[in-house]
Protein backbone atom coordinates (compact mmCIF):
# COMPACT_ATOMS: atom_id res chain seq x y z
CA UNK A 1 -0.10 0.03 -0.07
CA UNK A 2 2.66 2.42 0.99
CA UNK A 3 4.28 1.77 -2.36
CA UNK A 4 1.32 2.35 -4.23
CA UNK A 5 0.94 5.88 -2.54
CA UNK A 6 4.65 6.98 -3.09
CA UNK A 7 4.30 5.96 -6.64
CA UNK A 8 1.50 8.29 -7.07
CA UNK A 9 3.03 10.91 -5.04
CA UNK A 10 6.02 10.66 -7.52
CA UNK A 11 3.53 11.05 -10.60
CA UNK A 12 1.97 14.13 -9.01
CA UNK A 13 5.52 15.75 -8.38
CA UNK A 14 6.60 14.91 -11.75
CA UNK A 15 3.76 15.90 -13.42
CA UNK A 16 3.47 19.36 -11.54
CA UNK A 17 7.14 20.45 -11.73
CA UNK A 18 7.38 18.92 -15.67
CA UNK A 19 4.96 21.36 -16.38
CA UNK A 20 7.39 24.26 -15.00
CA UNK A 21 10.36 23.42 -17.22
CA UNK A 22 11.41 25.55 -19.94
CA UNK A 23 11.99 22.93 -22.39
CA UNK A 24 11.55 19.24 -22.51
CA UNK A 25 13.50 16.70 -24.60
CA UNK A 26 11.87 13.56 -25.77
CA UNK A 27 12.97 10.44 -27.37
CA UNK A 28 9.96 9.85 -29.49
CA UNK A 29 7.16 11.76 -30.99
CA UNK A 30 5.04 9.26 -29.21
CA UNK A 31 6.61 10.14 -25.78
CA UNK A 32 6.18 14.13 -26.93
CA UNK A 33 2.32 13.31 -27.62
CA UNK A 34 1.96 11.67 -24.40
CA UNK A 35 3.46 14.48 -22.14
CA UNK A 36 1.42 17.11 -24.04
CA UNK A 37 -1.95 15.31 -23.98
CA UNK A 38 -1.87 13.77 -20.66
CA UNK A 39 0.72 15.67 -18.54
CA UNK A 40 0.48 19.19 -19.78
CA UNK A 41 3.91 19.53 -20.56
CA UNK A 42 4.84 21.23 -23.74
CA UNK A 43 8.15 20.75 -26.03
CA UNK A 44 9.83 24.10 -26.48
CA UNK A 45 9.85 24.93 -30.04
CA UNK A 46 13.24 26.18 -30.21
CA UNK A 47 14.96 22.67 -28.96
CA UNK A 48 13.50 21.58 -32.25
CA UNK A 49 16.05 23.28 -34.23
CA UNK A 50 19.17 20.94 -34.91
CA UNK A 51 21.44 23.53 -33.36
CA UNK A 52 19.28 25.52 -30.95
CA UNK A 53 18.52 29.01 -31.60
CA UNK A 54 21.27 30.11 -29.38
CA UNK A 55 24.42 28.47 -31.69
CA UNK A 56 27.66 29.73 -31.96
CA UNK A 57 26.94 30.33 -35.50
CA UNK A 58 23.83 32.69 -34.71
CA UNK A 59 24.67 34.06 -31.31
CA UNK A 60 26.04 37.60 -32.41
CA UNK A 61 23.00 37.82 -35.29
CA UNK A 62 19.75 39.33 -34.35
CA UNK A 63 17.35 36.81 -33.65
CA UNK A 64 15.11 38.18 -36.52
CA UNK A 65 17.55 38.29 -39.17
CA UNK A 66 16.84 35.00 -40.85
CA UNK A 67 19.36 35.63 -43.63
CA UNK A 68 22.50 36.15 -42.26
CA UNK A 69 24.60 34.18 -39.53
CA UNK A 70 28.13 34.79 -38.41
CA UNK A 71 29.77 32.85 -41.37
CA UNK A 72 27.30 33.46 -44.24
CA UNK A 73 24.86 35.65 -45.68
CA UNK A 74 22.28 34.63 -48.24
CA UNK A 75 21.62 36.57 -51.45
CA UNK A 76 18.62 35.71 -53.63
CA UNK A 77 18.61 31.82 -53.37
CA UNK A 78 22.50 31.42 -52.83
CA UNK A 79 24.05 30.68 -49.50
CA UNK A 80 27.74 32.84 -49.58
CA UNK A 81 30.66 32.91 -47.21
CA UNK A 82 31.51 36.43 -45.50
CA UNK A 83 34.60 37.60 -46.68
CA UNK A 84 35.43 38.92 -43.19
CA UNK A 85 34.17 36.03 -41.24
CA UNK A 86 35.89 34.44 -38.50
CA UNK A 87 37.94 31.17 -39.08
CA UNK A 88 36.00 28.07 -37.69
CA UNK A 89 38.27 25.58 -35.46
CA UNK A 90 37.27 22.41 -34.20
CA UNK A 91 38.56 19.94 -31.62
CA UNK A 92 37.09 17.22 -29.90
CA UNK A 93 37.98 15.62 -26.51
CA UNK A 94 37.12 12.64 -23.89
CA UNK A 95 38.81 14.44 -21.42
CA UNK A 96 41.05 11.41 -20.93
CA UNK A 97 44.34 11.84 -19.08
CA UNK A 98 46.25 11.28 -22.25
CA UNK A 99 44.24 14.42 -23.76
CA UNK A 100 45.33 17.75 -22.03
CA UNK A 101 42.80 20.17 -23.77
CA UNK A 102 44.18 23.04 -21.26
CA UNK A 103 46.62 23.38 -23.88
CA UNK A 104 43.98 24.53 -26.63
CA UNK A 105 42.55 27.17 -23.87
CA UNK A 106 46.04 28.57 -23.07
CA UNK A 107 46.54 28.87 -26.67
CA UNK A 108 43.34 30.58 -27.50
CA UNK A 109 44.36 33.19 -24.80
CA UNK A 110 47.53 33.65 -26.31
CA UNK A 111 46.40 33.67 -29.62
CA UNK A 112 44.15 36.78 -28.45
CA UNK A 113 47.12 38.59 -27.00
CA UNK A 114 49.39 38.03 -29.96
CA UNK A 115 46.50 39.11 -32.78
CA UNK A 116 45.70 41.95 -30.67
CA UNK A 117 49.35 43.10 -30.85
CA UNK A 118 49.63 42.52 -34.50
CA UNK A 119 46.51 44.75 -34.94
CA UNK A 120 47.89 47.44 -33.00
CA UNK A 121 45.17 46.88 -30.59
CA UNK A 122 45.44 47.56 -26.69
CA UNK A 123 42.23 46.25 -25.61
CA UNK A 124 42.20 42.41 -26.27
CA UNK A 125 39.30 40.48 -24.43
CA UNK A 126 39.91 40.47 -20.76
CA UNK A 127 41.66 37.00 -20.18
CA UNK A 128 39.29 35.94 -17.25
CA UNK A 129 36.26 36.79 -19.48
CA UNK A 130 37.59 34.83 -22.25
CA UNK A 131 38.74 31.93 -20.34
CA UNK A 132 35.55 31.58 -18.95
CA UNK A 133 34.02 31.54 -22.48
CA UNK A 134 36.11 28.96 -24.07
CA UNK A 135 36.38 26.83 -21.07
CA UNK A 136 32.37 27.12 -20.75
CA UNK A 137 31.62 26.16 -24.31
CA UNK A 138 31.60 22.40 -24.13
CA UNK A 139 28.50 21.60 -25.90
CA UNK A 140 26.96 18.21 -26.97
CA UNK A 141 26.90 18.13 -30.78
CA UNK A 142 24.36 15.44 -32.27
CA UNK A 143 26.38 12.46 -34.11
CA UNK A 144 24.52 13.47 -37.64
CA UNK A 145 25.94 16.79 -37.38
CA UNK A 146 29.58 15.64 -36.46
CA UNK A 147 31.04 15.39 -40.02
CA UNK A 148 28.97 18.12 -41.42
CA UNK A 149 30.35 20.59 -38.66
CA UNK A 150 34.07 19.39 -39.21
CA UNK A 151 33.61 19.41 -43.12
CA UNK A 152 32.59 23.23 -42.72
CA UNK A 153 35.88 23.99 -40.37
CA UNK A 154 38.79 25.36 -41.40
CA UNK A 155 41.24 23.77 -39.18
CA UNK A 156 40.90 20.82 -36.55
CA UNK A 157 42.88 20.48 -33.56
CA UNK A 158 44.20 17.11 -31.76
CA UNK A 159 45.39 16.82 -28.25
CA UNK A 160 45.44 13.18 -27.99
CA UNK A 161 49.11 11.94 -27.22
CA UNK A 162 48.24 7.91 -26.57
CA UNK A 163 48.63 6.44 -23.08
CA UNK A 164 50.66 3.94 -24.82
CA UNK A 165 52.39 6.28 -27.27
CA UNK A 166 51.54 3.30 -29.83
CA UNK A 167 48.32 4.09 -31.26
CA UNK A 168 47.11 6.97 -33.61
CA UNK A 169 43.86 8.99 -32.76
CA UNK A 170 40.82 8.37 -35.12
CA UNK A 171 39.44 11.69 -34.39
CA UNK A 172 42.26 12.76 -36.94
CA UNK A 173 41.22 10.50 -39.22
CA UNK A 174 37.68 11.54 -39.08
CA UNK A 175 38.96 14.93 -39.77
CA UNK A 176 41.05 14.14 -42.77
CA UNK A 177 37.88 12.26 -44.03
CA UNK A 178 36.38 15.57 -44.32
CA UNK A 179 39.24 17.19 -45.95
CA UNK A 180 40.22 19.17 -42.65
CA UNK A 181 43.94 20.07 -41.90
CA UNK A 182 44.89 19.35 -38.43
CA UNK A 183 47.23 20.55 -35.80
CA UNK A 184 48.29 17.67 -33.60
CA UNK A 185 50.05 17.47 -30.40
CA UNK A 186 53.51 15.63 -31.29
CA UNK A 187 54.22 12.34 -29.99
CA UNK A 188 56.33 9.17 -30.93
CA UNK A 189 54.06 8.30 -33.98
CA UNK A 190 51.86 10.88 -34.86
CA UNK A 191 54.00 11.81 -38.19
CA UNK A 192 52.85 8.40 -39.35
CA UNK A 193 49.84 10.14 -39.80
CA UNK A 194 50.05 13.64 -39.82
CA UNK A 195 52.53 15.11 -42.14
CA UNK A 196 53.92 18.40 -41.55
CA UNK A 197 53.13 21.06 -44.08
CA UNK A 198 51.31 18.58 -46.30
CA UNK A 199 48.18 17.64 -44.30
CA UNK A 200 48.92 19.45 -40.80
CA UNK A 201 51.23 20.75 -38.47
CA UNK A 202 52.65 19.53 -34.90
CA UNK A 203 53.23 21.31 -31.69
CA UNK A 204 54.64 20.41 -28.21
CA UNK A 205 53.26 23.40 -26.09
CA UNK A 206 50.30 25.77 -26.19
CA UNK A 207 52.84 28.57 -27.12
CA UNK A 208 53.92 26.70 -30.56
CA UNK A 209 49.98 25.87 -31.16
CA UNK A 210 49.30 29.80 -30.60
CA UNK A 211 51.89 30.46 -32.98
CA UNK A 212 50.57 28.00 -35.36
CA UNK A 213 47.09 29.33 -35.38
CA UNK A 214 48.55 32.99 -35.71
CA UNK A 215 50.42 31.90 -38.89
CA UNK A 216 47.42 30.00 -40.52
């Protein structure tokens, strides 16, 4: 009896607070229909968009401007790259001990400083703000969009060093498969995959990676 009462209490709790959510994700349309019809829980329409309404491409563009992104503009029926678009750099990590993602975060801050100096700018982004924006940018990417995003990028970065130092990172193979050049951290056998100045570059520190980003 107590189990039945507790179960009913949990259902009431879930139904009440589920309706207060800003949005809900469903694994099937059948579940979505069930939640809408019998629980009063609606699916946030913005979450239906593959990348969401606030993805990295449209974040700096007005929400009402449907013909322009940070990278592209629509002219008639054609989608054109902007001549002043930023470079799109992609990387991936499993946050494993043999993959120090901090190298990329540090290199990004160094790149910002060096680019500001070259452009004679004295007001590059505040380091604390920049670091928070970069390190806070861990977002899930739908598997079906992985190769689209990777193939649309300008450069891939690999931080894998291999705990055994005997294997090669498959993420680099994925990047090469999308026609993407790669900057990879150097270790014993990576040069069997990444050929310097042919399909990529190697680096051993965040400072070297920052130099390569600036050069590229």
